[in-house]
């Protein structure tokens, strides 16, 4: 397919960063603290870790939005765990976000404006008109269908483990179904998406913006 490994690596670098560590660590620390010291100590530990991670990001001169977002997420999760007096309550926001993402994906498919196209538009800034072309959109629709199936699977697993009241298994499931799976999904989406765009024979973004006529060379890189 002509896609080099360093090309895929560079694409992943634009999405994956130290934020993956920030997202995985607090839930695991929360569960460990809950097992050893109880729920109240787990809440305090998770909040303290979120503050430390946020401070580290600010000191590294990363955008303060990452630090604030991480702290806010852990705060909401910890508050729900404390209010419900259940360690499993910590993972309610993760379940809610999976449900919301599933609705967005299904809604985008029903509207004929696939979620993968919106995600690419927001991260790359490519014109929306290009994504909706008949010789481009099928690639993004098919990738969105792939995403939808995986999101549904994740939601079913999360709800099942939540109802079982096992926060340890829920923490590990969220960790494994989070960034590890996202990385694999991004790689597969990129490889399939580039191949599908070329098979559709549509113009690349630069060709579209320049108003070129067929035959097109197609999208050389990026999805």
C-alpha atoms as a PDB file:
ATOM      1  CA  UNK A   1       0.000   0.000   0.000  1.00  0.00           C
ATOM      2  CA  UNK A   2       3.034   2.237   0.001  1.00  0.00           C
ATOM      3  CA  UNK A   3       2.582   3.333   3.610  1.00  0.00           C
ATOM      4  CA  UNK A   4       5.888   3.517   5.466  1.00  0.00           C
ATOM      5  CA  UNK A   5       6.238   2.652   9.139  1.00  0.00           C
ATOM      6  CA  UNK A   6       7.781   6.027   9.953  1.00  0.00           C
ATOM      7  CA  UNK A   7       4.761   7.682   8.321  1.00  0.00           C
ATOM      8  CA  UNK A   8       2.401   5.819  10.666  1.00  0.00           C
ATOM      9  CA  UNK A   9       4.667   6.613  13.634  1.00  0.00           C
ATOM     10  CA  UNK A  10       4.634  10.326  12.828  1.00  0.00           C
ATOM     11  CA  UNK A  11       0.849  10.272  12.518  1.00  0.00           C
ATOM     12  CA  UNK A  12       0.529   8.619  15.937  1.00  0.00           C
ATOM     13  CA  UNK A  13       2.897  11.139  17.519  1.00  0.00           C
ATOM     14  CA  UNK A  14       0.454  13.897  16.621  1.00  0.00           C
ATOM     15  CA  UNK A  15      -2.229  12.169  18.706  1.00  0.00           C
ATOM     16  CA  UNK A  16      -0.457  10.160  21.388  1.00  0.00           C
ATOM     17  CA  UNK A  17       1.694  11.887  23.987  1.00  0.00           C
ATOM     18  CA  UNK A  18       2.333  11.978  27.709  1.00  0.00           C
ATOM     19  CA  UNK A  19      -1.398  12.494  28.169  1.00  0.00           C
ATOM     20  CA  UNK A  20      -1.805   8.732  27.741  1.00  0.00           C
ATOM     21  CA  UNK A  21       0.133   8.170  30.970  1.00  0.00           C
ATOM     22  CA  UNK A  22      -1.973  10.808  32.733  1.00  0.00           C
ATOM     23  CA  UNK A  23      -5.160   9.042  31.647  1.00  0.00           C
ATOM     24  CA  UNK A  24      -4.120   5.500  32.620  1.00  0.00           C
ATOM     25  CA  UNK A  25      -2.354   6.082  35.955  1.00  0.00           C
ATOM     26  CA  UNK A  26      -5.022   7.746  38.201  1.00  0.00           C
ATOM     27  CA  UNK A  27      -7.675   4.988  37.883  1.00  0.00           C
ATOM     28  CA  UNK A  28      -5.142   2.259  38.649  1.00  0.00           C
ATOM     29  CA  UNK A  29      -3.784   4.183  41.642  1.00  0.00           C
ATOM     30  CA  UNK A  30      -7.361   4.783  42.844  1.00  0.00           C
ATOM     31  CA  UNK A  31      -8.158   1.065  42.789  1.00  0.00           C
ATOM     32  CA  UNK A  32      -4.881   0.142  44.503  1.00  0.00           C
ATOM     33  CA  UNK A  33      -5.459   2.726  47.252  1.00  0.00           C
ATOM     34  CA  UNK A  34      -9.053   1.567  47.685  1.00  0.00           C
ATOM     35  CA  UNK A  35      -7.934  -2.030  48.156  1.00  0.00           C
ATOM     36  CA  UNK A  36      -5.243  -1.092  50.672  1.00  0.00           C
ATOM     37  CA  UNK A  37      -6.701   1.840  52.599  1.00  0.00           C
ATOM     38  CA  UNK A  38     -10.393   2.196  51.727  1.00  0.00           C
ATOM     39  CA  UNK A  39     -12.548   4.481  49.635  1.00  0.00           C
ATOM     40  CA  UNK A  40     -11.857   7.811  51.352  1.00  0.00           C
ATOM     41  CA  UNK A  41      -8.090   7.338  51.100  1.00  0.00           C
ATOM     42  CA  UNK A  42      -8.475   6.319  47.442  1.00  0.00           C
ATOM     43  CA  UNK A  43     -10.380   9.523  46.657  1.00  0.00           C
ATOM     44  CA  UNK A  44      -7.725  11.672  48.352  1.00  0.00           C
ATOM     45  CA  UNK A  45      -4.899   9.766  46.628  1.00  0.00           C
ATOM     46  CA  UNK A  46      -6.471  10.076  43.174  1.00  0.00           C
ATOM     47  CA  UNK A  47      -7.068  13.804  43.620  1.00  0.00           C
ATOM     48  CA  UNK A  48      -3.543  14.342  44.941  1.00  0.00           C
ATOM     49  CA  UNK A  49      -2.061  12.465  41.975  1.00  0.00           C
ATOM     50  CA  UNK A  50      -4.155  14.507  39.539  1.00  0.00           C
ATOM     51  CA  UNK A  51      -2.869  17.721  41.119  1.00  0.00           C
ATOM     52  CA  UNK A  52       0.747  16.495  40.858  1.00  0.00           C
ATOM     53  CA  UNK A  53       0.333  15.463  37.216  1.00  0.00           C
ATOM     54  CA  UNK A  54      -1.315  18.783  36.419  1.00  0.00           C
ATOM     55  CA  UNK A  55       1.460  20.721  38.161  1.00  0.00           C
ATOM     56  CA  UNK A  56       4.074  18.721  36.251  1.00  0.00           C
ATOM     57  CA  UNK A  57       2.410  19.656  32.957  1.00  0.00           C
ATOM     58  CA  UNK A  58       2.339  23.342  33.901  1.00  0.00           C
ATOM     59  CA  UNK A  59       6.008  23.233  34.927  1.00  0.00           C
ATOM     60  CA  UNK A  60       6.863  21.620  31.586  1.00  0.00           C
ATOM     61  CA  UNK A  61       5.065  24.559  29.976  1.00  0.00           C
ATOM     62  CA  UNK A  62       2.396  22.358  28.416  1.00  0.00           C
ATOM     63  CA  UNK A  63      -0.942  24.025  27.836  1.00  0.00           C
ATOM     64  CA  UNK A  64      -2.821  24.498  31.108  1.00  0.00           C
ATOM     65  CA  UNK A  65      -5.961  23.083  29.460  1.00  0.00           C
ATOM     66  CA  UNK A  66      -4.511  19.561  29.666  1.00  0.00           C
ATOM     67  CA  UNK A  67      -3.758  20.009  33.342  1.00  0.00           C
ATOM     68  CA  UNK A  68      -7.201  21.462  34.049  1.00  0.00           C
ATOM     69  CA  UNK A  69      -8.972  18.783  32.011  1.00  0.00           C
ATOM     70  CA  UNK A  70      -7.170  15.965  33.816  1.00  0.00           C
ATOM     71  CA  UNK A  71      -7.863  17.447  37.237  1.00  0.00           C
ATOM     72  CA  UNK A  72     -11.517  18.057  36.390  1.00  0.00           C
ATOM     73  CA  UNK A  73     -11.977  14.503  35.117  1.00  0.00           C
ATOM     74  CA  UNK A  74     -10.446  12.913  38.220  1.00  0.00           C
ATOM     75  CA  UNK A  75     -12.405  15.286  40.463  1.00  0.00           C
ATOM     76  CA  UNK A  76     -15.739  14.314  38.925  1.00  0.00           C
ATOM     77  CA  UNK A  77     -14.898  10.597  39.041  1.00  0.00           C
ATOM     78  CA  UNK A  78     -13.741  10.822  42.660  1.00  0.00           C
ATOM     79  CA  UNK A  79     -16.846  12.795  43.670  1.00  0.00           C
ATOM     80  CA  UNK A  80     -19.119  10.143  42.144  1.00  0.00           C
ATOM     81  CA  UNK A  81     -17.221   7.379  43.937  1.00  0.00           C
ATOM     82  CA  UNK A  82     -17.531   9.265  47.224  1.00  0.00           C
ATOM     83  CA  UNK A  83     -21.225  10.111  46.790  1.00  0.00           C
ATOM     84  CA  UNK A  84     -22.207   6.597  45.756  1.00  0.00           C
ATOM     85  CA  UNK A  85     -19.890   5.114  48.418  1.00  0.00           C
ATOM     86  CA  UNK A  86     -18.713   2.664  45.789  1.00  0.00           C
ATOM     87  CA  UNK A  87     -15.294   2.426  44.164  1.00  0.00           C
ATOM     88  CA  UNK A  88     -17.023   1.394  40.940  1.00  0.00           C
ATOM     89  CA  UNK A  89     -18.663   4.836  40.889  1.00  0.00           C
ATOM     90  CA  UNK A  90     -15.261   6.276  39.921  1.00  0.00           C
ATOM     91  CA  UNK A  91     -15.754   4.809  36.457  1.00  0.00           C
ATOM     92  CA  UNK A  92     -19.219   6.243  35.775  1.00  0.00           C
ATOM     93  CA  UNK A  93     -17.761   9.142  33.699  1.00  0.00           C
ATOM     94  CA  UNK A  94     -15.858   6.643  31.520  1.00  0.00           C
ATOM     95  CA  UNK A  95     -19.059   4.685  30.911  1.00  0.00           C
ATOM     96  CA  UNK A  96     -20.967   7.890  30.187  1.00  0.00           C
ATOM     97  CA  UNK A  97     -18.309   9.060  27.708  1.00  0.00           C
ATOM     98  CA  UNK A  98     -18.447   5.705  25.896  1.00  0.00           C
ATOM     99  CA  UNK A  99     -22.228   5.982  25.636  1.00  0.00           C
ATOM    100  CA  UNK A 100     -22.042   9.546  24.378  1.00  0.00           C
ATOM    101  CA  UNK A 101     -19.378   8.635  21.820  1.00  0.00           C
ATOM    102  CA  UNK A 102     -21.510   5.740  20.598  1.00  0.00           C
ATOM    103  CA  UNK A 103     -24.485   8.063  20.106  1.00  0.00           C
ATOM    104  CA  UNK A 104     -22.297  10.552  18.219  1.00  0.00           C
ATOM    105  CA  UNK A 105     -20.941   7.841  15.942  1.00  0.00           C
ATOM    106  CA  UNK A 106     -24.394   6.400  15.218  1.00  0.00           C
ATOM    107  CA  UNK A 107     -25.871   9.860  14.728  1.00  0.00           C
ATOM    108  CA  UNK A 108     -23.110  10.864  12.323  1.00  0.00           C
ATOM    109  CA  UNK A 109     -23.677   7.737  10.243  1.00  0.00           C
ATOM    110  CA  UNK A 110     -27.435   8.314  10.172  1.00  0.00           C
ATOM    111  CA  UNK A 111     -26.873  11.923   9.076  1.00  0.00           C
ATOM    112  CA  UNK A 112     -24.417  10.899   6.361  1.00  0.00           C
ATOM    113  CA  UNK A 113     -21.627  12.916   7.992  1.00  0.00           C
ATOM    114  CA  UNK A 114     -19.337  10.236   9.481  1.00  0.00           C
ATOM    115  CA  UNK A 115     -17.556  10.914  12.753  1.00  0.00           C
ATOM    116  CA  UNK A 116     -14.146   9.947  11.322  1.00  0.00           C
ATOM    117  CA  UNK A 117     -14.447  12.787   8.800  1.00  0.00           C
ATOM    118  CA  UNK A 118     -15.231  15.308  11.544  1.00  0.00           C
ATOM    119  CA  UNK A 119     -12.291  14.047  13.601  1.00  0.00           C
ATOM    120  CA  UNK A 120      -9.947  14.419  10.642  1.00  0.00           C
ATOM    121  CA  UNK A 121     -11.321  17.866   9.811  1.00  0.00           C
ATOM    122  CA  UNK A 122     -10.808  19.120  13.366  1.00  0.00           C
ATOM    123  CA  UNK A 123      -7.261  17.750  13.681  1.00  0.00           C
ATOM    124  CA  UNK A 124      -6.017  18.546  10.167  1.00  0.00           C
ATOM    125  CA  UNK A 125      -8.093  21.526   9.120  1.00  0.00           C
ATOM    126  CA  UNK A 126      -8.949  20.064   5.723  1.00  0.00           C
ATOM    127  CA  UNK A 127     -12.063  21.560   4.056  1.00  0.00           C
ATOM    128  CA  UNK A 128     -15.312  19.821   4.966  1.00  0.00           C
ATOM    129  CA  UNK A 129     -16.473  19.892   1.347  1.00  0.00           C
ATOM    130  CA  UNK A 130     -13.694  17.456   0.435  1.00  0.00           C
ATOM    131  CA  UNK A 131     -14.836  14.906   3.023  1.00  0.00           C
ATOM    132  CA  UNK A 132     -18.394  14.840   1.675  1.00  0.00           C
ATOM    133  CA  UNK A 133     -17.419  14.000  -1.914  1.00  0.00           C
ATOM    134  CA  UNK A 134     -18.855  10.717  -3.218  1.00  0.00           C
ATOM    135  CA  UNK A 135     -15.347   9.511  -4.061  1.00  0.00           C
ATOM    136  CA  UNK A 136     -14.022  10.336  -0.570  1.00  0.00           C
ATOM    137  CA  UNK A 137     -16.799   9.928   2.014  1.00  0.00           C
ATOM    138  CA  UNK A 138     -17.146   6.104   1.798  1.00  0.00           C
ATOM    139  CA  UNK A 139     -13.670   5.697   3.305  1.00  0.00           C
ATOM    140  CA  UNK A 140     -14.634   7.787   6.338  1.00  0.00           C
ATOM    141  CA  UNK A 141     -18.036   6.121   6.641  1.00  0.00           C
ATOM    142  CA  UNK A 142     -16.489   2.649   6.726  1.00  0.00           C
ATOM    143  CA  UNK A 143     -13.877   3.671   9.304  1.00  0.00           C
ATOM    144  CA  UNK A 144     -16.644   5.202  11.433  1.00  0.00           C
ATOM    145  CA  UNK A 145     -18.569   1.928  11.257  1.00  0.00           C
ATOM    146  CA  UNK A 146     -15.432   0.157  12.515  1.00  0.00           C
ATOM    147  CA  UNK A 147     -15.143   2.670  15.371  1.00  0.00           C
ATOM    148  CA  UNK A 148     -18.818   2.234  16.237  1.00  0.00           C
ATOM    149  CA  UNK A 149     -18.472  -1.516  16.650  1.00  0.00           C
ATOM    150  CA  UNK A 150     -15.472  -1.128  18.949  1.00  0.00           C
ATOM    151  CA  UNK A 151     -17.132   1.601  21.034  1.00  0.00           C
ATOM    152  CA  UNK A 152     -20.203  -0.602  21.467  1.00  0.00           C
ATOM    153  CA  UNK A 153     -18.004  -3.503  22.576  1.00  0.00           C
ATOM    154  CA  UNK A 154     -16.208  -1.273  25.090  1.00  0.00           C
ATOM    155  CA  UNK A 155     -19.493   0.062  26.483  1.00  0.00           C
ATOM    156  CA  UNK A 156     -20.912  -3.451  26.957  1.00  0.00           C
ATOM    157  CA  UNK A 157     -17.765  -4.547  28.822  1.00  0.00           C
ATOM    158  CA  UNK A 158     -17.761  -1.419  30.999  1.00  0.00           C
ATOM    159  CA  UNK A 159     -21.435  -1.722  31.950  1.00  0.00           C
ATOM    160  CA  UNK A 160     -21.112  -5.456  32.656  1.00  0.00           C
ATOM    161  CA  UNK A 161     -18.117  -4.938  34.953  1.00  0.00           C
ATOM    162  CA  UNK A 162     -19.747  -1.931  36.643  1.00  0.00           C
ATOM    163  CA  UNK A 163     -22.864  -3.944  37.449  1.00  0.00           C
ATOM    164  CA  UNK A 164     -20.656  -6.712  38.837  1.00  0.00           C
ATOM    165  CA  UNK A 165     -19.232  -4.178  41.320  1.00  0.00           C
ATOM    166  CA  UNK A 166     -15.608  -5.130  40.628  1.00  0.00           C
ATOM    167  CA  UNK A 167     -13.593  -1.879  40.462  1.00  0.00           C
ATOM    168  CA  UNK A 168     -10.253  -3.653  39.983  1.00  0.00           C
ATOM    169  CA  UNK A 169     -11.345  -5.454  36.818  1.00  0.00           C
ATOM    170  CA  UNK A 170     -13.118  -2.301  35.674  1.00  0.00           C
ATOM    171  CA  UNK A 171      -9.921  -0.268  36.110  1.00  0.00           C
ATOM    172  CA  UNK A 172      -7.856  -2.711  34.096  1.00  0.00           C
ATOM    173  CA  UNK A 173     -10.536  -2.965  31.417  1.00  0.00           C
ATOM    174  CA  UNK A 174     -10.662   0.824  31.100  1.00  0.00           C
ATOM    175  CA  UNK A 175      -6.873   0.986  30.912  1.00  0.00           C
ATOM    176  CA  UNK A 176      -6.583  -1.740  28.277  1.00  0.00           C
ATOM    177  CA  UNK A 177      -9.600  -0.554  26.285  1.00  0.00           C
ATOM    178  CA  UNK A 178      -8.321   3.016  26.448  1.00  0.00           C
ATOM    179  CA  UNK A 179      -5.068   4.091  24.831  1.00  0.00           C
ATOM    180  CA  UNK A 180      -3.703   0.612  23.975  1.00  0.00           C
ATOM    181  CA  UNK A 181      -6.802  -0.126  21.892  1.00  0.00           C
ATOM    182  CA  UNK A 182      -6.980   3.454  20.570  1.00  0.00           C
ATOM    183  CA  UNK A 183      -3.423   3.170  19.212  1.00  0.00           C
ATOM    184  CA  UNK A 184      -4.251  -0.081  17.399  1.00  0.00           C
ATOM    185  CA  UNK A 185      -7.490   1.416  16.053  1.00  0.00           C
ATOM    186  CA  UNK A 186      -5.686   4.524  14.797  1.00  0.00           C
ATOM    187  CA  UNK A 187      -3.074   2.449  12.982  1.00  0.00           C
ATOM    188  CA  UNK A 188      -5.662   0.195  11.352  1.00  0.00           C
ATOM    189  CA  UNK A 189      -7.884   3.171  10.483  1.00  0.00           C
ATOM    190  CA  UNK A 190      -4.966   4.990   8.879  1.00  0.00           C
ATOM    191  CA  UNK A 191      -3.808   2.007   6.823  1.00  0.00           C
ATOM    192  CA  UNK A 192      -7.312   1.115   5.667  1.00  0.00           C
ATOM    193  CA  UNK A 193      -8.319   4.746   5.135  1.00  0.00           C
ATOM    194  CA  UNK A 194      -5.369   5.553   2.862  1.00  0.00           C
ATOM    195  CA  UNK A 195      -5.950   2.382   0.839  1.00  0.00           C
ATOM    196  CA  UNK A 196      -9.684   3.079   0.553  1.00  0.00           C
ATOM    197  CA  UNK A 197      -9.183   6.687  -0.543  1.00  0.00           C
ATOM    198  CA  UNK A 198      -6.849   5.554  -3.298  1.00  0.00           C
ATOM    199  CA  UNK A 199      -9.223   2.807  -4.413  1.00  0.00           C
ATOM    200  CA  UNK A 200     -12.084   5.321  -4.639  1.00  0.00           C
ATOM    201  CA  UNK A 201     -10.046   7.392  -7.116  1.00  0.00           C
ATOM    202  CA  UNK A 202     -10.982  10.776  -5.671  1.00  0.00           C
ATOM    203  CA  UNK A 203      -8.749  13.834  -5.482  1.00  0.00           C
ATOM    204  CA  UNK A 204      -6.259  14.516  -2.738  1.00  0.00           C
ATOM    205  CA  UNK A 205      -6.921  17.529  -0.536  1.00  0.00           C
ATOM    206  CA  UNK A 206      -4.423  19.715  -2.420  1.00  0.00           C
ATOM    207  CA  UNK A 207      -5.890  18.654  -5.787  1.00  0.00           C
ATOM    208  CA  UNK A 208      -9.379  19.475  -4.507  1.00  0.00           C
ATOM    209  CA  UNK A 209      -8.318  22.893  -3.250  1.00  0.00           C
ATOM    210  CA  UNK A 210      -6.557  23.635  -6.548  1.00  0.00           C
ATOM    211  CA  UNK A 211      -9.697  22.664  -8.501  1.00  0.00           C
ATOM    212  CA  UNK A 212      -7.900  20.022 -10.573  1.00  0.00           C
ATOM    213  CA  UNK A 213      -9.796  17.719 -12.917  1.00  0.00           C
ATOM    214  CA  UNK A 214      -9.491  13.903 -13.064  1.00  0.00           C
ATOM    215  CA  UNK A 215      -7.577  11.703 -13.361  1.00  0.00           C
ATOM    216  CA  UNK A 216      -6.420  12.385  -9.809  1.00  0.00           C
ATOM    217  CA  UNK A 217      -3.241  11.298  -8.086  1.00  0.00           C
ATOM    218  CA  UNK A 218      -5.234  10.893  -4.881  1.00  0.00           C
ATOM    219  CA  UNK A 219      -4.400  11.620  -1.259  1.00  0.00           C
ATOM    220  CA  UNK A 220      -0.659  10.899  -0.800  1.00  0.00           C
ATOM    221  CA  UNK A 221      -0.597  11.017   2.985  1.00  0.00           C
ATOM    222  CA  UNK A 222      -2.902  11.567   5.922  1.00  0.00           C
ATOM    223  CA  UNK A 223      -6.436  10.398   6.510  1.00  0.00           C
END
